[in-house]
Amino acid sequence: MRTALAITTIIALAGCSQQDTLAEIAFGAPSNETAQDDVAGTYKIVLADGSVMIETIGADGTYIDTTEGGAETE
């Protein structure tokens, strides 16, 4: 009886530890890397008050914000 109980306990614990492995296979291991999508381009942004901003993002990640009239903002 003790042997059957010990074997059952070991099998139950072994089954619990496989959950984490399956989750890593399904979703991949967690990563600290940030996404590096290509976001370069010019974007028109309409603010809540109706004013319009134009944001130009360069391939190197630099950006320039301008008003619709062409004045640069900070």
PDB file of N, CA and C in Angstrom:
ATOM      1  N   MET A   1       0.820  -1.199   0.000  1.00  0.00           N
ATOM      2  CA  MET A   1       0.000   0.000   0.000  1.00  0.00           C
ATOM      3  C   MET A   1       0.864   1.263   0.000  1.00  0.00           C
ATOM      4  N   ARG A   2       1.914   1.256   0.830  1.00  0.00           N
ATOM      5  CA  ARG A   2       2.799   2.419   0.881  1.00  0.00           C
ATOM      6  C   ARG A   2       3.488   2.637  -0.466  1.00  0.00           C
ATOM      7  N   THR A   3       3.865   1.557  -1.104  1.00  0.00           N
ATOM      8  CA  THR A   3       4.537   1.659  -2.402  1.00  0.00           C
ATOM      9  C   THR A   3       3.607   2.275  -3.432  1.00  0.00           C
ATOM     10  N   ALA A   4       2.357   1.853  -3.453  1.00  0.00           N
ATOM     11  CA  ALA A   4       1.385   2.397  -4.404  1.00  0.00           C
ATOM     12  C   ALA A   4       1.154   3.883  -4.138  1.00  0.00           C
ATOM     13  N   LEU A   5       1.085   4.263  -2.881  1.00  0.00           N
ATOM     14  CA  LEU A   5       0.893   5.668  -2.526  1.00  0.00           C
ATOM     15  C   LEU A   5       2.109   6.505  -2.939  1.00  0.00           C
ATOM     16  N   ALA A   6       3.303   5.973  -2.722  1.00  0.00           N
ATOM     17  CA  ALA A   6       4.521   6.691  -3.096  1.00  0.00           C
ATOM     18  C   ALA A   6       4.604   6.863  -4.610  1.00  0.00           C
ATOM     19  N   ILE A   7       4.281   5.821  -5.360  1.00  0.00           N
ATOM     20  CA  ILE A   7       4.318   5.893  -6.826  1.00  0.00           C
ATOM     21  C   ILE A   7       3.273   6.878  -7.334  1.00  0.00           C
ATOM     22  N   THR A   8       2.084   6.853  -6.767  1.00  0.00           N
ATOM     23  CA  THR A   8       1.021   7.770  -7.172  1.00  0.00           C
ATOM     24  C   THR A   8       1.425   9.221  -6.898  1.00  0.00           C
ATOM     25  N   THR A   9       2.046   9.463  -5.756  1.00  0.00           N
ATOM     26  CA  THR A   9       2.501  10.811  -5.407  1.00  0.00           C
ATOM     27  C   THR A   9       3.568  11.298  -6.383  1.00  0.00           C
ATOM     28  N   ILE A  10       4.515  10.441  -6.724  1.00  0.00           N
ATOM     29  CA  ILE A  10       5.579  10.814  -7.664  1.00  0.00           C
ATOM     30  C   ILE A  10       5.000  11.122  -9.036  1.00  0.00           C
ATOM     31  N   ILE A  11       4.063  10.310  -9.496  1.00  0.00           N
ATOM     32  CA  ILE A  11       3.432  10.540 -10.805  1.00  0.00           C
ATOM     33  C   ILE A  11       2.656  11.855 -10.798  1.00  0.00           C
ATOM     34  N   ALA A  12       1.941  12.130  -9.715  1.00  0.00           N
ATOM     35  CA  ALA A  12       1.166  13.375  -9.624  1.00  0.00           C
ATOM     36  C   ALA A  12       2.088  14.591  -9.644  1.00  0.00           C
ATOM     37  N   LEU A  13       3.189  14.536  -8.912  1.00  0.00           N
ATOM     38  CA  LEU A  13       4.134  15.653  -8.899  1.00  0.00           C
ATOM     39  C   LEU A  13       4.831  15.811 -10.249  1.00  0.00           C
ATOM     40  N   ALA A  14       5.138  14.711 -10.896  1.00  0.00           N
ATOM     41  CA  ALA A  14       5.771  14.785 -12.219  1.00  0.00           C
ATOM     42  C   ALA A  14       4.815  15.411 -13.230  1.00  0.00           C
ATOM     43  N   GLY A  15       3.542  15.118 -13.118  1.00  0.00           N
ATOM     44  CA  GLY A  15       2.546  15.703 -14.016  1.00  0.00           C
ATOM     45  C   GLY A  15       2.408  17.200 -13.812  1.00  0.00           C
ATOM     46  N   CYS A  16       2.548  17.664 -12.587  1.00  0.00           N
ATOM     47  CA  CYS A  16       2.447  19.101 -12.310  1.00  0.00           C
ATOM     48  C   CYS A  16       3.601  19.879 -12.916  1.00  0.00           C
ATOM     49  N   SER A  17       4.791  19.323 -12.905  1.00  0.00           N
ATOM     50  CA  SER A  17       5.947  20.055 -13.410  1.00  0.00           C
ATOM     51  C   SER A  17       5.936  20.179 -14.928  1.00  0.00           C
ATOM     52  N   GLN A  18       5.161  19.387 -15.636  1.00  0.00           N
ATOM     53  CA  GLN A  18       5.110  19.461 -17.092  1.00  0.00           C
ATOM     54  C   GLN A  18       4.275  20.634 -17.580  1.00  0.00           C
ATOM     55  N   GLN A  19       3.432  21.215 -16.762  1.00  0.00           N
ATOM     56  CA  GLN A  19       2.598  22.344 -17.166  1.00  0.00           C
ATOM     57  C   GLN A  19       3.452  23.518 -17.631  1.00  0.00           C
ATOM     58  N   ASP A  20       4.508  23.848 -16.885  1.00  0.00           N
ATOM     59  CA  ASP A  20       5.371  24.972 -17.244  1.00  0.00           C
ATOM     60  C   ASP A  20       6.078  24.728 -18.566  1.00  0.00           C
ATOM     61  N   THR A  21       6.548  23.511 -18.767  1.00  0.00           N
ATOM     62  CA  THR A  21       7.240  23.180 -20.009  1.00  0.00           C
ATOM     63  C   THR A  21       6.303  23.325 -21.194  1.00  0.00           C
ATOM     64  N   LEU A  22       5.071  22.873 -21.054  1.00  0.00           N
ATOM     65  CA  LEU A  22       4.110  22.988 -22.148  1.00  0.00           C
ATOM     66  C   LEU A  22       3.789  24.445 -22.443  1.00  0.00           C
ATOM     67  N   ALA A  23       3.700  25.271 -21.417  1.00  0.00           N
ATOM     68  CA  ALA A  23       3.415  26.691 -21.625  1.00  0.00           C
ATOM     69  C   ALA A  23       4.566  27.367 -22.363  1.00  0.00           C
ATOM     70  N   GLU A  24       5.811  27.014 -22.038  1.00  0.00           N
ATOM     71  CA  GLU A  24       6.956  27.603 -22.731  1.00  0.00           C
ATOM     72  C   GLU A  24       6.988  27.187 -24.190  1.00  0.00           C
ATOM     73  N   ILE A  25       6.612  25.951 -24.477  1.00  0.00           N
ATOM     74  CA  ILE A  25       6.584  25.487 -25.863  1.00  0.00           C
ATOM     75  C   ILE A  25       5.495  26.217 -26.633  1.00  0.00           C
ATOM     76  N   ALA A  26       4.326  26.376 -26.025  1.00  0.00           N
ATOM     77  CA  ALA A  26       3.195  26.995 -26.714  1.00  0.00           C
ATOM     78  C   ALA A  26       3.390  28.495 -26.904  1.00  0.00           C
ATOM     79  N   PHE A  27       3.917  29.188 -25.921  1.00  0.00           N
ATOM     80  CA  PHE A  27       3.994  30.646 -25.961  1.00  0.00           C
ATOM     81  C   PHE A  27       5.414  31.185 -26.066  1.00  0.00           C
ATOM     82  N   GLY A  28       6.397  30.343 -25.974  1.00  0.00           N
ATOM     83  CA  GLY A  28       7.787  30.789 -26.012  1.00  0.00           C
ATOM     84  C   GLY A  28       8.224  31.288 -24.648  1.00  0.00           C
ATOM     85  N   ALA A  29       9.495  31.271 -24.427  1.00  0.00           N
ATOM     86  CA  ALA A  29      10.035  31.740 -23.158  1.00  0.00           C
ATOM     87  C   ALA A  29       9.912  33.261 -23.081  1.00  0.00           C
ATOM     88  N   PRO A  30       9.701  33.813 -21.892  1.00  0.00           N
ATOM     89  CA  PRO A  30       9.614  35.267 -21.750  1.00  0.00           C
ATOM     90  C   PRO A  30      10.903  35.931 -22.231  1.00  0.00           C
ATOM     91  N   SER A  31      10.782  37.108 -22.777  1.00  0.00           N
ATOM     92  CA  SER A  31      11.937  37.808 -23.326  1.00  0.00           C
ATOM     93  C   SER A  31      11.957  39.245 -22.826  1.00  0.00           C
ATOM     94  N   ASN A  32      13.149  39.767 -22.633  1.00  0.00           N
ATOM     95  CA  ASN A  32      13.302  41.165 -22.229  1.00  0.00           C
ATOM     96  C   ASN A  32      13.546  42.072 -23.422  1.00  0.00           C
ATOM     97  N   GLU A  33      13.550  41.510 -24.622  1.00  0.00           N
ATOM     98  CA  GLU A  33      13.794  42.299 -25.818  1.00  0.00           C
ATOM     99  C   GLU A  33      12.556  43.110 -26.190  1.00  0.00           C
ATOM    100  N   THR A  34      12.783  44.293 -26.727  1.00  0.00           N
ATOM    101  CA  THR A  34      11.673  45.110 -27.203  1.00  0.00           C
ATOM    102  C   THR A  34      11.449  44.843 -28.681  1.00  0.00           C
ATOM    103  N   ALA A  35      10.258  45.091 -29.132  1.00  0.00           N
ATOM    104  CA  ALA A  35       9.944  44.889 -30.544  1.00  0.00           C
ATOM    105  C   ALA A  35      10.677  45.928 -31.380  1.00  0.00           C
ATOM    106  N   GLN A  36      11.172  45.522 -32.513  1.00  0.00           N
ATOM    107  CA  GLN A  36      11.916  46.425 -33.384  1.00  0.00           C
ATOM    108  C   GLN A  36      11.231  46.507 -34.739  1.00  0.00           C
ATOM    109  N   ASP A  37      10.010  46.969 -34.756  1.00  0.00           N
ATOM    110  CA  ASP A  37       9.280  47.120 -36.005  1.00  0.00           C
ATOM    111  C   ASP A  37       9.743  48.381 -36.724  1.00  0.00           C
ATOM    112  N   ASP A  38       9.575  48.390 -38.040  1.00  0.00           N
ATOM    113  CA  ASP A  38       9.931  49.562 -38.834  1.00  0.00           C
ATOM    114  C   ASP A  38       8.775  50.554 -38.752  1.00  0.00           C
ATOM    115  N   VAL A  39       8.989  51.648 -38.047  1.00  0.00           N
ATOM    116  CA  VAL A  39       7.936  52.651 -37.866  1.00  0.00           C
ATOM    117  C   VAL A  39       8.261  53.950 -38.583  1.00  0.00           C
ATOM    118  N   ALA A  40       9.314  53.939 -39.388  1.00  0.00           N
ATOM    119  CA  ALA A  40       9.716  55.155 -40.100  1.00  0.00           C
ATOM    120  C   ALA A  40       8.590  55.612 -41.016  1.00  0.00           C
ATOM    121  N   GLY A  41       8.375  56.918 -41.058  1.00  0.00           N
ATOM    122  CA  GLY A  41       7.341  57.468 -41.926  1.00  0.00           C
ATOM    123  C   GLY A  41       6.808  58.778 -41.375  1.00  0.00           C
ATOM    124  N   THR A  42       5.768  59.278 -42.009  1.00  0.00           N
ATOM    125  CA  THR A  42       5.127  60.522 -41.592  1.00  0.00           C
ATOM    126  C   THR A  42       3.709  60.209 -41.148  1.00  0.00           C
ATOM    127  N   TYR A  43       3.343  60.696 -39.972  1.00  0.00           N
ATOM    128  CA  TYR A  43       2.046  60.406 -39.385  1.00  0.00           C
ATOM    129  C   TYR A  43       1.298  61.700 -39.087  1.00  0.00           C
ATOM    130  N   LYS A  44       0.021  61.719 -39.386  1.00  0.00           N
ATOM    131  CA  LYS A  44      -0.849  62.857 -39.078  1.00  0.00           C
ATOM    132  C   LYS A  44      -1.624  62.486 -37.819  1.00  0.00           C
ATOM    133  N   ILE A  45      -1.524  63.321 -36.795  1.00  0.00           N
ATOM    134  CA  ILE A  45      -2.156  63.047 -35.510  1.00  0.00           C
ATOM    135  C   ILE A  45      -3.168  64.150 -35.219  1.00  0.00           C
ATOM    136  N   VAL A  46      -4.425  63.759 -35.034  1.00  0.00           N
ATOM    137  CA  VAL A  46      -5.472  64.720 -34.691  1.00  0.00           C
ATOM    138  C   VAL A  46      -5.685  64.642 -33.182  1.00  0.00           C
ATOM    139  N   LEU A  47      -5.444  65.751 -32.493  1.00  0.00           N
ATOM    140  CA  LEU A  47      -5.582  65.804 -31.044  1.00  0.00           C
ATOM    141  C   LEU A  47      -7.045  65.997 -30.646  1.00  0.00           C
ATOM    142  N   ALA A  48      -7.329  65.822 -29.356  1.00  0.00           N
ATOM    143  CA  ALA A  48      -8.697  65.909 -28.846  1.00  0.00           C
ATOM    144  C   ALA A  48      -9.326  67.271 -29.109  1.00  0.00           C
ATOM    145  N   ASP A  49      -8.519  68.332 -29.114  1.00  0.00           N
ATOM    146  CA  ASP A  49      -9.070  69.668 -29.349  1.00  0.00           C
ATOM    147  C   ASP A  49      -9.228  69.988 -30.840  1.00  0.00           C
ATOM    148  N   GLY A  50      -8.915  69.027 -31.702  1.00  0.00           N
ATOM    149  CA  GLY A  50      -9.073  69.216 -33.143  1.00  0.00           C
ATOM    150  C   GLY A  50      -7.826  69.702 -33.853  1.00  0.00           C
ATOM    151  N   SER A  51      -6.802  70.106 -33.094  1.00  0.00           N
ATOM    152  CA  SER A  51      -5.561  70.545 -33.741  1.00  0.00           C
ATOM    153  C   SER A  51      -4.836  69.335 -34.333  1.00  0.00           C
ATOM    154  N   VAL A  52      -4.011  69.610 -35.341  1.00  0.00           N
ATOM    155  CA  VAL A  52      -3.340  68.533 -36.069  1.00  0.00           C
ATOM    156  C   VAL A  52      -1.832  68.664 -35.900  1.00  0.00           C
ATOM    157  N   MET A  53      -1.176  67.553 -35.614  1.00  0.00           N
ATOM    158  CA  MET A  53       0.283  67.483 -35.526  1.00  0.00           C
ATOM    159  C   MET A  53       0.770  66.529 -36.615  1.00  0.00           C
ATOM    160  N   ILE A  54       1.908  66.828 -37.191  1.00  0.00           N
ATOM    161  CA  ILE A  54       2.539  65.946 -38.161  1.00  0.00           C
ATOM    162  C   ILE A  54       3.825  65.435 -37.516  1.00  0.00           C
ATOM    163  N   GLU A  55       3.963  64.124 -37.393  1.00  0.00           N
ATOM    164  CA  GLU A  55       5.161  63.535 -36.809  1.00  0.00           C
ATOM    165  C   GLU A  55       5.894  62.755 -37.885  1.00  0.00           C
ATOM    166  N   THR A  56       7.167  63.068 -38.069  1.00  0.00           N
ATOM    167  CA  THR A  56       8.004  62.369 -39.038  1.00  0.00           C
ATOM    168  C   THR A  56       9.051  61.583 -38.264  1.00  0.00           C
ATOM    169  N   ILE A  57       9.049  60.261 -38.441  1.00  0.00           N
ATOM    170  CA  ILE A  57       9.986  59.386 -37.741  1.00  0.00           C
ATOM    171  C   ILE A  57      10.985  58.850 -38.757  1.00  0.00           C
ATOM    172  N   GLY A  58      12.277  59.030 -38.462  1.00  0.00           N
ATOM    173  CA  GLY A  58      13.337  58.553 -39.337  1.00  0.00           C
ATOM    174  C   GLY A  58      13.640  57.081 -39.098  1.00  0.00           C
ATOM    175  N   ALA A  59      14.347  56.457 -40.026  1.00  0.00           N
ATOM    176  CA  ALA A  59      14.714  55.047 -39.910  1.00  0.00           C
ATOM    177  C   ALA A  59      15.616  54.798 -38.704  1.00  0.00           C
ATOM    178  N   ASP A  60      16.342  55.820 -38.259  1.00  0.00           N
ATOM    179  CA  ASP A  60      17.227  55.680 -37.105  1.00  0.00           C
ATOM    180  C   ASP A  60      16.522  55.952 -35.777  1.00  0.00           C
ATOM    181  N   GLY A  61      15.206  56.224 -35.813  1.00  0.00           N
ATOM    182  CA  GLY A  61      14.430  56.448 -34.599  1.00  0.00           C
ATOM    183  C   GLY A  61      14.289  57.905 -34.206  1.00  0.00           C
ATOM    184  N   THR A  62      14.946  58.810 -34.901  1.00  0.00           N
ATOM    185  CA  THR A  62      14.787  60.230 -34.604  1.00  0.00           C
ATOM    186  C   THR A  62      13.438  60.701 -35.126  1.00  0.00           C
ATOM    187  N   TYR A  63      12.917  61.757 -34.537  1.00  0.00           N
ATOM    188  CA  TYR A  63      11.610  62.247 -34.977  1.00  0.00           C
ATOM    189  C   TYR A  63      11.549  63.763 -34.925  1.00  0.00           C
ATOM    190  N   ILE A  64      10.633  64.304 -35.715  1.00  0.00           N
ATOM    191  CA  ILE A  64      10.364  65.744 -35.740  1.00  0.00           C
ATOM    192  C   ILE A  64       8.855  65.917 -35.682  1.00  0.00           C
ATOM    193  N   ASP A  65       8.392  66.726 -34.728  1.00  0.00           N
ATOM    194  CA  ASP A  65       6.974  67.058 -34.625  1.00  0.00           C
ATOM    195  C   ASP A  65       6.766  68.453 -35.190  1.00  0.00           C
ATOM    196  N   THR A  66       5.793  68.592 -36.048  1.00  0.00           N
ATOM    197  CA  THR A  66       5.474  69.905 -36.612  1.00  0.00           C
ATOM    198  C   THR A  66       3.970  70.132 -36.542  1.00  0.00           C
ATOM    199  N   THR A  67       3.594  71.401 -36.567  1.00  0.00           N
ATOM    200  CA  THR A  67       2.173  71.729 -36.653  1.00  0.00           C
ATOM    201  C   THR A  67       1.752  71.586 -38.105  1.00  0.00           C
ATOM    202  N   GLU A  68       0.474  71.657 -38.347  1.00  0.00           N
ATOM    203  CA  GLU A  68      -0.024  71.530 -39.711  1.00  0.00           C
ATOM    204  C   GLU A  68       0.511  72.659 -40.598  1.00  0.00           C
ATOM    205  N   GLY A  69       0.838  73.794 -39.988  1.00  0.00           N
ATOM    206  CA  GLY A  69       1.396  74.923 -40.726  1.00  0.00           C
ATOM    207  C   GLY A  69       2.883  74.786 -41.016  1.00  0.00           C
ATOM    208  N   GLY A  70       3.552  73.797 -40.409  1.00  0.00           N
ATOM    209  CA  GLY A  70       4.964  73.561 -40.671  1.00  0.00           C
ATOM    210  C   GLY A  70       5.912  73.994 -39.574  1.00  0.00           C
ATOM    211  N   ALA A  71       5.406  74.599 -38.489  1.00  0.00           N
ATOM    212  CA  ALA A  71       6.270  75.034 -37.389  1.00  0.00           C
ATOM    213  C   ALA A  71       6.664  73.834 -36.529  1.00  0.00           C
ATOM    214  N   GLU A  72       7.973  73.702 -36.235  1.00  0.00           N
ATOM    215  CA  GLU A  72       8.442  72.601 -35.395  1.00  0.00           C
ATOM    216  C   GLU A  72       8.047  72.835 -33.944  1.00  0.00           C
ATOM    217  N   THR A  73       7.700  71.756 -33.251  1.00  0.00           N
ATOM    218  CA  THR A  73       7.351  71.827 -31.829  1.00  0.00           C
ATOM    219  C   THR A  73       8.313  70.949 -31.048  1.00  0.00           C
ATOM    220  N   GLU A  74       8.298  71.098 -29.740  1.00  0.00           N
ATOM    221  CA  GLU A  74       9.160  70.272 -28.891  1.00  0.00           C
ATOM    222  C   GLU A  74       8.361  69.220 -28.189  1.00  0.00           C
TER     223      GLU A  74
END
